[in-house]
PDB file of N, CA and C in Angstrom:
ATOM      1  N   MET A   1      73.551  68.553  74.698  1.00  0.00           N
ATOM      2  CA  MET A   1      74.628  69.507  74.941  1.00  0.00           C
ATOM      3  C   MET A   1      75.827  68.758  75.512  1.00  0.00           C
ATOM      4  N   THR A   2      76.978  69.049  74.988  1.00  0.00           N
ATOM      5  CA  THR A   2      78.193  68.443  75.540  1.00  0.00           C
ATOM      6  C   THR A   2      78.613  69.214  76.777  1.00  0.00           C
ATOM      7  N   GLY A   3      79.420  68.578  77.588  1.00  0.00           N
ATOM      8  CA  GLY A   3      79.833  69.183  78.835  1.00  0.00           C
ATOM      9  C   GLY A   3      81.314  69.020  79.078  1.00  0.00           C
ATOM     10  N   VAL A   4      81.666  69.121  80.348  1.00  0.00           N
ATOM     11  CA  VAL A   4      83.047  68.989  80.788  1.00  0.00           C
ATOM     12  C   VAL A   4      83.079  67.915  81.872  1.00  0.00           C
ATOM     13  N   VAL A   5      84.022  67.004  81.754  1.00  0.00           N
ATOM     14  CA  VAL A   5      84.177  65.960  82.756  1.00  0.00           C
ATOM     15  C   VAL A   5      85.580  66.057  83.353  1.00  0.00           C
ATOM     16  N   LEU A   6      85.631  66.115  84.685  1.00  0.00           N
ATOM     17  CA  LEU A   6      86.900  66.135  85.408  1.00  0.00           C
ATOM     18  C   LEU A   6      87.119  64.762  86.004  1.00  0.00           C
ATOM     19  N   HIS A   7      88.368  64.335  86.072  1.00  0.00           N
ATOM     20  CA  HIS A   7      88.736  62.974  86.460  1.00  0.00           C
ATOM     21  C   HIS A   7      89.630  63.037  87.696  1.00  0.00           C
ATOM     22  N   LEU A   8      89.241  62.325  88.746  1.00  0.00           N
ATOM     23  CA  LEU A   8      89.997  62.339  89.999  1.00  0.00           C
ATOM     24  C   LEU A   8      90.155  60.923  90.527  1.00  0.00           C
ATOM     25  N   THR A   9      91.401  60.539  90.837  1.00  0.00           N
ATOM     26  CA  THR A   9      91.667  59.202  91.378  1.00  0.00           C
ATOM     27  C   THR A   9      92.394  59.231  92.728  1.00  0.00           C
ATOM     28  N   GLU A  10      92.897  60.370  93.131  1.00  0.00           N
ATOM     29  CA  GLU A  10      93.727  60.456  94.336  1.00  0.00           C
ATOM     30  C   GLU A  10      92.888  60.671  95.594  1.00  0.00           C
ATOM     31  N   ALA A  11      93.403  60.200  96.733  1.00  0.00           N
ATOM     32  CA  ALA A  11      92.713  60.342  98.011  1.00  0.00           C
ATOM     33  C   ALA A  11      93.132  61.590  98.782  1.00  0.00           C
ATOM     34  N   SER A  12      94.097  62.324  98.296  1.00  0.00           N
ATOM     35  CA  SER A  12      94.635  63.484  99.004  1.00  0.00           C
ATOM     36  C   SER A  12      93.591  64.583  99.190  1.00  0.00           C
ATOM     37  N   VAL A  13      93.434  65.034 100.424  1.00  0.00           N
ATOM     38  CA  VAL A  13      92.499  66.126 100.724  1.00  0.00           C
ATOM     39  C   VAL A  13      92.902  67.389  99.963  1.00  0.00           C
ATOM     40  N   ASP A  14      94.195  67.667  99.894  1.00  0.00           N
ATOM     41  CA  ASP A  14      94.657  68.850  99.163  1.00  0.00           C
ATOM     42  C   ASP A  14      94.287  68.752  97.681  1.00  0.00           C
ATOM     43  N   LYS A  15      94.423  67.575  97.112  1.00  0.00           N
ATOM     44  CA  LYS A  15      94.053  67.365  95.709  1.00  0.00           C
ATOM     45  C   LYS A  15      92.544  67.543  95.533  1.00  0.00           C
ATOM     46  N   HIS A  16      91.759  67.016  96.460  1.00  0.00           N
ATOM     47  CA  HIS A  16      90.307  67.164  96.397  1.00  0.00           C
ATOM     48  C   HIS A  16      89.920  68.635  96.419  1.00  0.00           C
ATOM     49  N   ARG A  17      90.537  69.388  97.329  1.00  0.00           N
ATOM     50  CA  ARG A  17      90.237  70.826  97.413  1.00  0.00           C
ATOM     51  C   ARG A  17      90.589  71.535  96.103  1.00  0.00           C
ATOM     52  N   ALA A  18      91.741  71.204  95.546  1.00  0.00           N
ATOM     53  CA  ALA A  18      92.180  71.841  94.302  1.00  0.00           C
ATOM     54  C   ALA A  18      91.235  71.522  93.144  1.00  0.00           C
ATOM     55  N   VAL A  19      90.816  70.264  93.028  1.00  0.00           N
ATOM     56  CA  VAL A  19      89.936  69.864  91.929  1.00  0.00           C
ATOM     57  C   VAL A  19      88.553  70.486  92.097  1.00  0.00           C
ATOM     58  N   LEU A  20      88.039  70.534  93.316  1.00  0.00           N
ATOM     59  CA  LEU A  20      86.752  71.186  93.545  1.00  0.00           C
ATOM     60  C   LEU A  20      86.834  72.675  93.211  1.00  0.00           C
ATOM     61  N   ARG A  21      87.944  73.304  93.567  1.00  0.00           N
ATOM     62  CA  ARG A  21      88.150  74.721  93.234  1.00  0.00           C
ATOM     63  C   ARG A  21      88.205  74.905  91.715  1.00  0.00           C
ATOM     64  N   ASN A  22      88.915  73.997  91.018  1.00  0.00           N
ATOM     65  CA  ASN A  22      88.962  74.049  89.550  1.00  0.00           C
ATOM     66  C   ASN A  22      87.568  73.946  88.959  1.00  0.00           C
ATOM     67  N   ALA A  23      86.778  73.010  89.463  1.00  0.00           N
ATOM     68  CA  ALA A  23      85.420  72.807  88.948  1.00  0.00           C
ATOM     69  C   ALA A  23      84.564  74.052  89.175  1.00  0.00           C
ATOM     70  N   LEU A  24      84.652  74.628  90.368  1.00  0.00           N
ATOM     71  CA  LEU A  24      83.873  75.829  90.658  1.00  0.00           C
ATOM     72  C   LEU A  24      84.332  77.017  89.816  1.00  0.00           C
ATOM     73  N   ASN A  25      85.633  77.127  89.592  1.00  0.00           N
ATOM     74  CA  ASN A  25      86.150  78.211  88.748  1.00  0.00           C
ATOM     75  C   ASN A  25      85.698  78.057  87.302  1.00  0.00           C
ATOM     76  N   LEU A  26      85.404  76.846  86.906  1.00  0.00           N
ATOM     77  CA  LEU A  26      84.976  76.562  85.540  1.00  0.00           C
ATOM     78  C   LEU A  26      83.538  77.021  85.272  1.00  0.00           C
ATOM     79  N   VAL A  27      82.697  76.973  86.291  1.00  0.00           N
ATOM     80  CA  VAL A  27      81.270  77.261  86.118  1.00  0.00           C
ATOM     81  C   VAL A  27      81.008  78.575  85.382  1.00  0.00           C
ATOM     82  N   PRO A  28      81.608  79.695  85.799  1.00  0.00           N
ATOM     83  CA  PRO A  28      81.299  80.948  85.085  1.00  0.00           C
ATOM     84  C   PRO A  28      81.999  81.072  83.727  1.00  0.00           C
ATOM     85  N   GLU A  29      82.890  80.150  83.418  1.00  0.00           N
ATOM     86  CA  GLU A  29      83.664  80.237  82.177  1.00  0.00           C
ATOM     87  C   GLU A  29      83.041  79.479  81.013  1.00  0.00           C
ATOM     88  N   VAL A  30      82.054  78.634  81.306  1.00  0.00           N
ATOM     89  CA  VAL A  30      81.408  77.858  80.249  1.00  0.00           C
ATOM     90  C   VAL A  30      80.014  78.442  79.995  1.00  0.00           C
ATOM     91  N   GLU A  31      79.451  78.068  78.864  1.00  0.00           N
ATOM     92  CA  GLU A  31      78.107  78.535  78.528  1.00  0.00           C
ATOM     93  C   GLU A  31      77.128  78.107  79.614  1.00  0.00           C
ATOM     94  N   PRO A  32      76.219  78.997  80.021  1.00  0.00           N
ATOM     95  CA  PRO A  32      75.248  78.609  81.046  1.00  0.00           C
ATOM     96  C   PRO A  32      74.515  77.324  80.654  1.00  0.00           C
ATOM     97  N   GLY A  33      74.355  76.444  81.630  1.00  0.00           N
ATOM     98  CA  GLY A  33      73.692  75.172  81.389  1.00  0.00           C
ATOM     99  C   GLY A  33      74.617  74.054  80.956  1.00  0.00           C
ATOM    100  N   THR A  34      75.894  74.364  80.748  1.00  0.00           N
ATOM    101  CA  THR A  34      76.853  73.326  80.367  1.00  0.00           C
ATOM    102  C   THR A  34      77.063  72.375  81.536  1.00  0.00           C
ATOM    103  N   PRO A  35      76.805  71.082  81.340  1.00  0.00           N
ATOM    104  CA  PRO A  35      77.012  70.148  82.447  1.00  0.00           C
ATOM    105  C   PRO A  35      78.496  69.986  82.776  1.00  0.00           C
ATOM    106  N   ILE A  36      78.761  69.926  84.065  1.00  0.00           N
ATOM    107  CA  ILE A  36      80.113  69.676  84.561  1.00  0.00           C
ATOM    108  C   ILE A  36      80.025  68.495  85.515  1.00  0.00           C
ATOM    109  N   GLU A  37      80.791  67.447  85.231  1.00  0.00           N
ATOM    110  CA  GLU A  37      80.818  66.265  86.076  1.00  0.00           C
ATOM    111  C   GLU A  37      82.218  66.064  86.648  1.00  0.00           C
ATOM    112  N   LEU A  38      82.255  65.657  87.889  1.00  0.00           N
ATOM    113  CA  LEU A  38      83.502  65.242  88.533  1.00  0.00           C
ATOM    114  C   LEU A  38      83.383  63.744  88.768  1.00  0.00           C
ATOM    115  N   VAL A  39      84.181  62.969  88.045  1.00  0.00           N
ATOM    116  CA  VAL A  39      84.140  61.516  88.145  1.00  0.00           C
ATOM    117  C   VAL A  39      85.271  61.065  89.072  1.00  0.00           C
ATOM    118  N   VAL A  40      84.881  60.333  90.126  1.00  0.00           N
ATOM    119  CA  VAL A  40      85.862  59.827  91.083  1.00  0.00           C
ATOM    120  C   VAL A  40      85.845  58.301  91.072  1.00  0.00           C
ATOM    121  N   HIS A  41      87.036  57.737  91.122  1.00  0.00           N
ATOM    122  CA  HIS A  41      87.153  56.283  91.258  1.00  0.00           C
ATOM    123  C   HIS A  41      88.430  55.982  92.006  1.00  0.00           C
ATOM    124  N   SER A  42      88.655  54.716  92.257  1.00  0.00           N
ATOM    125  CA  SER A  42      89.808  54.269  93.021  1.00  0.00           C
ATOM    126  C   SER A  42      89.772  54.917  94.411  1.00  0.00           C
ATOM    127  N   GLU A  43      90.904  55.406  94.883  1.00  0.00           N
ATOM    128  CA  GLU A  43      90.986  55.980  96.228  1.00  0.00           C
ATOM    129  C   GLU A  43      90.215  57.285  96.373  1.00  0.00           C
ATOM    130  N   ALA A  44      89.910  57.942  95.262  1.00  0.00           N
ATOM    131  CA  ALA A  44      89.247  59.253  95.315  1.00  0.00           C
ATOM    132  C   ALA A  44      87.793  59.177  95.740  1.00  0.00           C
ATOM    133  N   ILE A  45      87.218  57.975  95.805  1.00  0.00           N
ATOM    134  CA  ILE A  45      85.802  57.913  96.158  1.00  0.00           C
ATOM    135  C   ILE A  45      85.551  58.359  97.596  1.00  0.00           C
ATOM    136  N   CYS A  46      86.604  58.457  98.402  1.00  0.00           N
ATOM    137  CA  CYS A  46      86.427  58.971  99.760  1.00  0.00           C
ATOM    138  C   CYS A  46      85.863  60.393  99.742  1.00  0.00           C
ATOM    139  N   LEU A  47      86.073  61.129  98.654  1.00  0.00           N
ATOM    140  CA  LEU A  47      85.508  62.469  98.527  1.00  0.00           C
ATOM    141  C   LEU A  47      83.991  62.428  98.666  1.00  0.00           C
ATOM    142  N   ALA A  48      83.365  61.349  98.233  1.00  0.00           N
ATOM    143  CA  ALA A  48      81.910  61.236  98.201  1.00  0.00           C
ATOM    144  C   ALA A  48      81.303  60.702  99.498  1.00  0.00           C
ATOM    145  N   LEU A  49      82.119  60.522 100.514  1.00  0.00           N
ATOM    146  CA  LEU A  49      81.613  60.003 101.786  1.00  0.00           C
ATOM    147  C   LEU A  49      81.350  61.146 102.764  1.00  0.00           C
ATOM    148  N   PRO A  50      80.292  61.065 103.547  1.00  0.00           N
ATOM    149  CA  PRO A  50      79.989  62.110 104.525  1.00  0.00           C
ATOM    150  C   PRO A  50      81.117  62.279 105.542  1.00  0.00           C
ATOM    151  N   GLY A  51      81.228  63.497 106.061  1.00  0.00           N
ATOM    152  CA  GLY A  51      82.170  63.770 107.141  1.00  0.00           C
ATOM    153  C   GLY A  51      83.593  64.040 106.721  1.00  0.00           C
ATOM    154  N   GLN A  52      83.840  64.228 105.438  1.00  0.00           N
ATOM    155  CA  GLN A  52      85.203  64.482 104.963  1.00  0.00           C
ATOM    156  C   GLN A  52      85.603  65.941 105.227  1.00  0.00           C
ATOM    157  N   ALA A  53      86.890  66.195 105.266  1.00  0.00           N
ATOM    158  CA  ALA A  53      87.389  67.554 105.480  1.00  0.00           C
ATOM    159  C   ALA A  53      86.961  68.503 104.365  1.00  0.00           C
ATOM    160  N   THR A  54      86.632  67.951 103.220  1.00  0.00           N
ATOM    161  CA  THR A  54      86.232  68.763 102.073  1.00  0.00           C
ATOM    162  C   THR A  54      84.708  68.865 101.929  1.00  0.00           C
ATOM    163  N   ALA A  55      83.966  68.496 102.959  1.00  0.00           N
ATOM    164  CA  ALA A  55      82.500  68.456 102.870  1.00  0.00           C
ATOM    165  C   ALA A  55      81.908  69.800 102.455  1.00  0.00           C
ATOM    166  N   ASP A  56      82.403  70.901 103.014  1.00  0.00           N
ATOM    167  CA  ASP A  56      81.852  72.221 102.671  1.00  0.00           C
ATOM    168  C   ASP A  56      82.137  72.577 101.218  1.00  0.00           C
ATOM    169  N   ALA A  57      83.352  72.307 100.762  1.00  0.00           N
ATOM    170  CA  ALA A  57      83.709  72.597  99.365  1.00  0.00           C
ATOM    171  C   ALA A  57      82.899  71.727  98.415  1.00  0.00           C
ATOM    172  N   LEU A  58      82.683  70.476  98.779  1.00  0.00           N
ATOM    173  CA  LEU A  58      81.876  69.585  97.941  1.00  0.00           C
ATOM    174  C   LEU A  58      80.429  70.070  97.898  1.00  0.00           C
ATOM    175  N   ALA A  59      79.883  70.472  99.040  1.00  0.00           N
ATOM    176  CA  ALA A  59      78.507  70.979  99.078  1.00  0.00           C
ATOM    177  C   ALA A  59      78.371  72.220  98.196  1.00  0.00           C
ATOM    178  N   GLU A  60      79.367  73.089  98.225  1.00  0.00           N
ATOM    179  CA  GLU A  60      79.349  74.282  97.373  1.00  0.00           C
ATOM    180  C   GLU A  60      79.345  73.891  95.892  1.00  0.00           C
ATOM    181  N   ALA A  61      80.154  72.895  95.539  1.00  0.00           N
ATOM    182  CA  ALA A  61      80.218  72.428  94.155  1.00  0.00           C
ATOM    183  C   ALA A  61      78.883  71.823  93.724  1.00  0.00           C
ATOM    184  N   LEU A  62      78.312  70.990  94.579  1.00  0.00           N
ATOM    185  CA  LEU A  62      77.026  70.379  94.249  1.00  0.00           C
ATOM    186  C   LEU A  62      75.937  71.440  94.126  1.00  0.00           C
ATOM    187  N   ASP A  63      75.962  72.440  95.014  1.00  0.00           N
ATOM    188  CA  ASP A  63      74.990  73.532  94.951  1.00  0.00           C
ATOM    189  C   ASP A  63      75.139  74.345  93.671  1.00  0.00           C
ATOM    190  N   ALA A  64      76.363  74.389  93.132  1.00  0.00           N
ATOM    191  CA  ALA A  64      76.625  75.124  91.893  1.00  0.00           C
ATOM    192  C   ALA A  64      76.224  74.323  90.659  1.00  0.00           C
ATOM    193  N   GLY A  65      75.760  73.084  90.878  1.00  0.00           N
ATOM    194  CA  GLY A  65      75.307  72.262  89.765  1.00  0.00           C
ATOM    195  C   GLY A  65      76.313  71.258  89.254  1.00  0.00           C
ATOM    196  N   ILE A  66      77.470  71.185  89.884  1.00  0.00           N
ATOM    197  CA  ILE A  66      78.469  70.199  89.485  1.00  0.00           C
ATOM    198  C   ILE A  66      77.981  68.823  89.930  1.00  0.00           C
ATOM    199  N   ILE A  67      78.098  67.856  89.048  1.00  0.00           N
ATOM    200  CA  ILE A  67      77.599  66.511  89.309  1.00  0.00           C
ATOM    201  C   ILE A  67      78.761  65.623  89.738  1.00  0.00           C
ATOM    202  N   LEU A  68      78.631  65.004  90.903  1.00  0.00           N
ATOM    203  CA  LEU A  68      79.654  64.082  91.406  1.00  0.00           C
ATOM    204  C   LEU A  68      79.253  62.670  91.008  1.00  0.00           C
ATOM    205  N   VAL A  69      80.089  62.032  90.181  1.00  0.00           N
ATOM    206  CA  VAL A  69      79.828  60.681  89.688  1.00  0.00           C
ATOM    207  C   VAL A  69      80.854  59.744  90.331  1.00  0.00           C
ATOM    208  N   VAL A  70      80.356  58.720  91.025  1.00  0.00           N
ATOM    209  CA  VAL A  70      81.205  57.803  91.770  1.00  0.00           C
ATOM    210  C   VAL A  70      81.190  56.431  91.103  1.00  0.00           C
ATOM    211  N   CYS A  71      82.358  55.847  90.939  1.00  0.00           N
ATOM    212  CA  CYS A  71      82.510  54.541  90.304  1.00  0.00           C
ATOM    213  C   CYS A  71      81.978  53.423  91.215  1.00  0.00           C
ATOM    214  N   ARG A  72      81.010  52.698  90.710  1.00  0.00           N
ATOM    215  CA  ARG A  72      80.441  51.594  91.489  1.00  0.00           C
ATOM    216  C   ARG A  72      81.436  50.445  91.652  1.00  0.00           C
ATOM    217  N   ASN A  73      82.323  50.230  90.680  1.00  0.00           N
ATOM    218  CA  ASN A  73      83.352  49.196  90.839  1.00  0.00           C
ATOM    219  C   ASN A  73      84.234  49.502  92.044  1.00  0.00           C
ATOM    220  N   SER A  74      84.650  50.762  92.166  1.00  0.00           N
ATOM    221  CA  SER A  74      85.475  51.169  93.311  1.00  0.00           C
ATOM    222  C   SER A  74      84.692  51.072  94.611  1.00  0.00           C
ATOM    223  N   MET A  75      83.408  51.414  94.553  1.00  0.00           N
ATOM    224  CA  MET A  75      82.565  51.301  95.742  1.00  0.00           C
ATOM    225  C   MET A  75      82.500  49.850  96.213  1.00  0.00           C
ATOM    226  N   ARG A  76      82.319  48.937  95.278  1.00  0.00           N
ATOM    227  CA  ARG A  76      82.248  47.507  95.635  1.00  0.00           C
ATOM    228  C   ARG A  76      83.536  47.049  96.301  1.00  0.00           C
ATOM    229  N   GLN A  77      84.671  47.514  95.781  1.00  0.00           N
ATOM    230  CA  GLN A  77      85.961  47.115  96.359  1.00  0.00           C
ATOM    231  C   GLN A  77      86.102  47.591  97.798  1.00  0.00           C
ATOM    232  N   GLN A  78      85.374  48.654  98.156  1.00  0.00           N
ATOM    233  CA  GLN A  78      85.452  49.191  99.512  1.00  0.00           C
ATOM    234  C   GLN A  78      84.187  48.899 100.314  1.00  0.00           C
ATOM    235  N   ASP A  79      83.380  47.953  99.822  1.00  0.00           N
ATOM    236  CA  ASP A  79      82.140  47.549 100.500  1.00  0.00           C
ATOM    237  C   ASP A  79      81.208  48.727 100.779  1.00  0.00           C
ATOM    238  N   LEU A  80      81.052  49.600  99.786  1.00  0.00           N
ATOM    239  CA  LEU A  80      80.167  50.761  99.902  1.00  0.00           C
ATOM    240  C   LEU A  80      78.981  50.610  98.957  1.00  0.00           C
ATOM    241  N   THR A  81      77.882  51.238  99.322  1.00  0.00           N
ATOM    242  CA  THR A  81      76.699  51.264  98.462  1.00  0.00           C
ATOM    243  C   THR A  81      76.316  52.718  98.218  1.00  0.00           C
ATOM    244  N   ASP A  82      75.328  52.920  97.350  1.00  0.00           N
ATOM    245  CA  ASP A  82      74.850  54.277  97.082  1.00  0.00           C
ATOM    246  C   ASP A  82      74.400  54.970  98.368  1.00  0.00           C
ATOM    247  N   ALA A  83      73.867  54.220  99.309  1.00  0.00           N
ATOM    248  CA  ALA A  83      73.392  54.790 100.575  1.00  0.00           C
ATOM    249  C   ALA A  83      74.528  55.378 101.410  1.00  0.00           C
ATOM    250  N   ASP A  84      75.764  54.971 101.143  1.00  0.00           N
ATOM    251  CA  ASP A  84      76.916  55.477 101.893  1.00  0.00           C
ATOM    252  C   ASP A  84      77.413  56.828 101.376  1.00  0.00           C
ATOM    253  N   LEU A  85      76.947  57.246 100.209  1.00  0.00           N
ATOM    254  CA  LEU A  85      77.448  58.466  99.570  1.00  0.00           C
ATOM    255  C   LEU A  85      76.743  59.711 100.090  1.00  0.00           C
ATOM    256  N   VAL A  86      77.392  60.851  99.915  1.00  0.00           N
ATOM    257  CA  VAL A  86      76.772  62.122 100.281  1.00  0.00           C
ATOM    258  C   VAL A  86      75.537  62.340  99.423  1.00  0.00           C
ATOM    259  N   HIS A  87      74.593  63.079  99.967  1.00  0.00           N
ATOM    260  CA  HIS A  87      73.379  63.403  99.224  1.00  0.00           C
ATOM    261  C   HIS A  87      73.757  64.191  97.965  1.00  0.00           C
ATOM    262  N   GLY A  88      73.235  63.782  96.844  1.00  0.00           N
ATOM    263  CA  GLY A  88      73.513  64.466  95.586  1.00  0.00           C
ATOM    264  C   GLY A  88      74.510  63.750  94.702  1.00  0.00           C
ATOM    265  N   ALA A  89      75.285  62.828  95.270  1.00  0.00           N
ATOM    266  CA  ALA A  89      76.225  62.056  94.450  1.00  0.00           C
ATOM    267  C   ALA A  89      75.442  60.999  93.670  1.00  0.00           C
ATOM    268  N   VAL A  90      75.939  60.676  92.500  1.00  0.00           N
ATOM    269  CA  VAL A  90      75.350  59.605  91.694  1.00  0.00           C
ATOM    270  C   VAL A  90      76.444  58.589  91.404  1.00  0.00           C
ATOM    271  N   SER A  91      76.041  57.362  91.109  1.00  0.00           N
ATOM    272  CA  SER A  91      77.046  56.353  90.798  1.00  0.00           C
ATOM    273  C   SER A  91      76.904  55.912  89.350  1.00  0.00           C
ATOM    274  N   ALA A  92      78.003  55.451  88.817  1.00  0.00           N
ATOM    275  CA  ALA A  92      78.052  54.892  87.468  1.00  0.00           C
ATOM    276  C   ALA A  92      78.671  53.511  87.592  1.00  0.00           C
ATOM    277  N   PRO A  93      78.271  52.565  86.740  1.00  0.00           N
ATOM    278  CA  PRO A  93      78.818  51.209  86.848  1.00  0.00           C
ATOM    279  C   PRO A  93      80.348  51.174  86.829  1.00  0.00           C
ATOM    280  N   SER A  94      80.953  51.996  85.982  1.00  0.00           N
ATOM    281  CA  SER A  94      82.409  52.041  85.848  1.00  0.00           C
ATOM    282  C   SER A  94      82.841  53.493  85.654  1.00  0.00           C
ATOM    283  N   GLY A  95      83.728  53.955  86.505  1.00  0.00           N
ATOM    284  CA  GLY A  95      84.217  55.323  86.360  1.00  0.00           C
ATOM    285  C   GLY A  95      84.952  55.538  85.051  1.00  0.00           C
ATOM    286  N   VAL A  96      85.855  54.633  84.713  1.00  0.00           N
ATOM    287  CA  VAL A  96      86.604  54.800  83.466  1.00  0.00           C
ATOM    288  C   VAL A  96      85.685  54.621  82.265  1.00  0.00           C
ATOM    289  N   GLY A  97      84.725  53.717  82.368  1.00  0.00           N
ATOM    290  CA  GLY A  97      83.754  53.549  81.291  1.00  0.00           C
ATOM    291  C   GLY A  97      82.940  54.814  81.084  1.00  0.00           C
ATOM    292  N   HIS A  98      82.569  55.465  82.179  1.00  0.00           N
ATOM    293  CA  HIS A  98      81.814  56.715  82.101  1.00  0.00           C
ATOM    294  C   HIS A  98      82.653  57.806  81.433  1.00  0.00           C
ATOM    295  N   LEU A  99      83.929  57.862  81.777  1.00  0.00           N
ATOM    296  CA  LEU A  99      84.828  58.854  81.166  1.00  0.00           C
ATOM    297  C   LEU A  99      84.941  58.638  79.663  1.00  0.00           C
ATOM    298  N   VAL A 100      85.100  57.393  79.249  1.00  0.00           N
ATOM    299  CA  VAL A 100      85.204  57.072  77.827  1.00  0.00           C
ATOM    300  C   VAL A 100      83.908  57.442  77.106  1.00  0.00           C
ATOM    301  N   ALA A 101      82.781  57.110  77.708  1.00  0.00           N
ATOM    302  CA  ALA A 101      81.485  57.431  77.085  1.00  0.00           C
ATOM    303  C   ALA A 101      81.338  58.937  76.911  1.00  0.00           C
ATOM    304  N   ARG A 102      81.693  59.702  77.916  1.00  0.00           N
ATOM    305  CA  ARG A 102      81.584  61.165  77.813  1.00  0.00           C
ATOM    306  C   ARG A 102      82.504  61.706  76.722  1.00  0.00           C
ATOM    307  N   GLN A 103      83.714  61.182  76.639  1.00  0.00           N
ATOM    308  CA  GLN A 103      84.629  61.660  75.598  1.00  0.00           C
ATOM    309  C   GLN A 103      84.095  61.316  74.212  1.00  0.00           C
ATOM    310  N   ARG A 104      83.503  60.154  74.055  1.00  0.00           N
ATOM    311  CA  ARG A 104      82.912  59.775  72.771  1.00  0.00           C
ATOM    312  C   ARG A 104      81.725  60.666  72.421  1.00  0.00           C
ATOM    313  N   GLN A 105      81.074  61.220  73.449  1.00  0.00           N
ATOM    314  CA  GLN A 105      79.948  62.128  73.233  1.00  0.00           C
ATOM    315  C   GLN A 105      80.415  63.550  72.945  1.00  0.00           C
ATOM    316  N   GLY A 106      81.724  63.764  72.968  1.00  0.00           N
ATOM    317  CA  GLY A 106      82.277  65.077  72.666  1.00  0.00           C
ATOM    318  C   GLY A 106      82.548  65.966  73.853  1.00  0.00           C
ATOM    319  N   TRP A 107      82.425  65.426  75.050  1.00  0.00           N
ATOM    320  CA  TRP A 107      82.694  66.216  76.244  1.00  0.00           C
ATOM    321  C   TRP A 107      84.190  66.522  76.350  1.00  0.00           C
ATOM    322  N   ALA A 108      84.503  67.688  76.915  1.00  0.00           N
ATOM    323  CA  ALA A 108      85.877  68.055  77.229  1.00  0.00           C
ATOM    324  C   ALA A 108      86.320  67.232  78.447  1.00  0.00           C
ATOM    325  N   TYR A 109      87.564  66.748  78.420  1.00  0.00           N
ATOM    326  CA  TYR A 109      88.116  65.926  79.495  1.00  0.00           C
ATOM    327  C   TYR A 109      89.235  66.699  80.170  1.00  0.00           C
ATOM    328  N   LEU A 110      89.150  66.808  81.504  1.00  0.00           N
ATOM    329  CA  LEU A 110      90.197  67.465  82.285  1.00  0.00           C
ATOM    330  C   LEU A 110      90.684  66.527  83.381  1.00  0.00           C
ATOM    331  N   ARG A 111      91.981  66.480  83.535  1.00  0.00           N
ATOM    332  CA  ARG A 111      92.568  65.711  84.644  1.00  0.00           C
ATOM    333  C   ARG A 111      93.458  66.682  85.418  1.00  0.00           C
ATOM    334  N   PRO A 112      92.836  67.464  86.316  1.00  0.00           N
ATOM    335  CA  PRO A 112      93.629  68.469  87.041  1.00  0.00           C
ATOM    336  C   PRO A 112      94.577  67.847  88.040  1.00  0.00           C
TER     337      PRO A 112
END
C-alpha cells in the first residue's frame, strides 16, 4: 500500500506544531491503514528529541499511527544515536534518500 510522506527540515517550534497538526488532520482523510510518515532531517531532528515543547503533539501523532523517521546522517552531524530519540521514532540512513525511495514507490509527498 502506498502512503503519504511529509518532509520537515526546519527547527522552528511553530513549524513543528503546524506540521504535526497537518499530519493529524490527514489521518481521517486517507483510507484507513494508509501509512503516514513524517521525515525529519537537518535542523528538524530536534523534533525527535525528548523534552521538546512539542512533545505532547508528537506523542499524539505517534499514538495516531504517524511514523516519525529521523535522518541518521543528520543525527551523526549532531552526535546523536537512536537511543537519544523519543520512543517510537525510527531512523533511516538518509532522510532525502528515504524521501526519494518513497516517491519512487508511489507515495504522496507533502512539504507543508
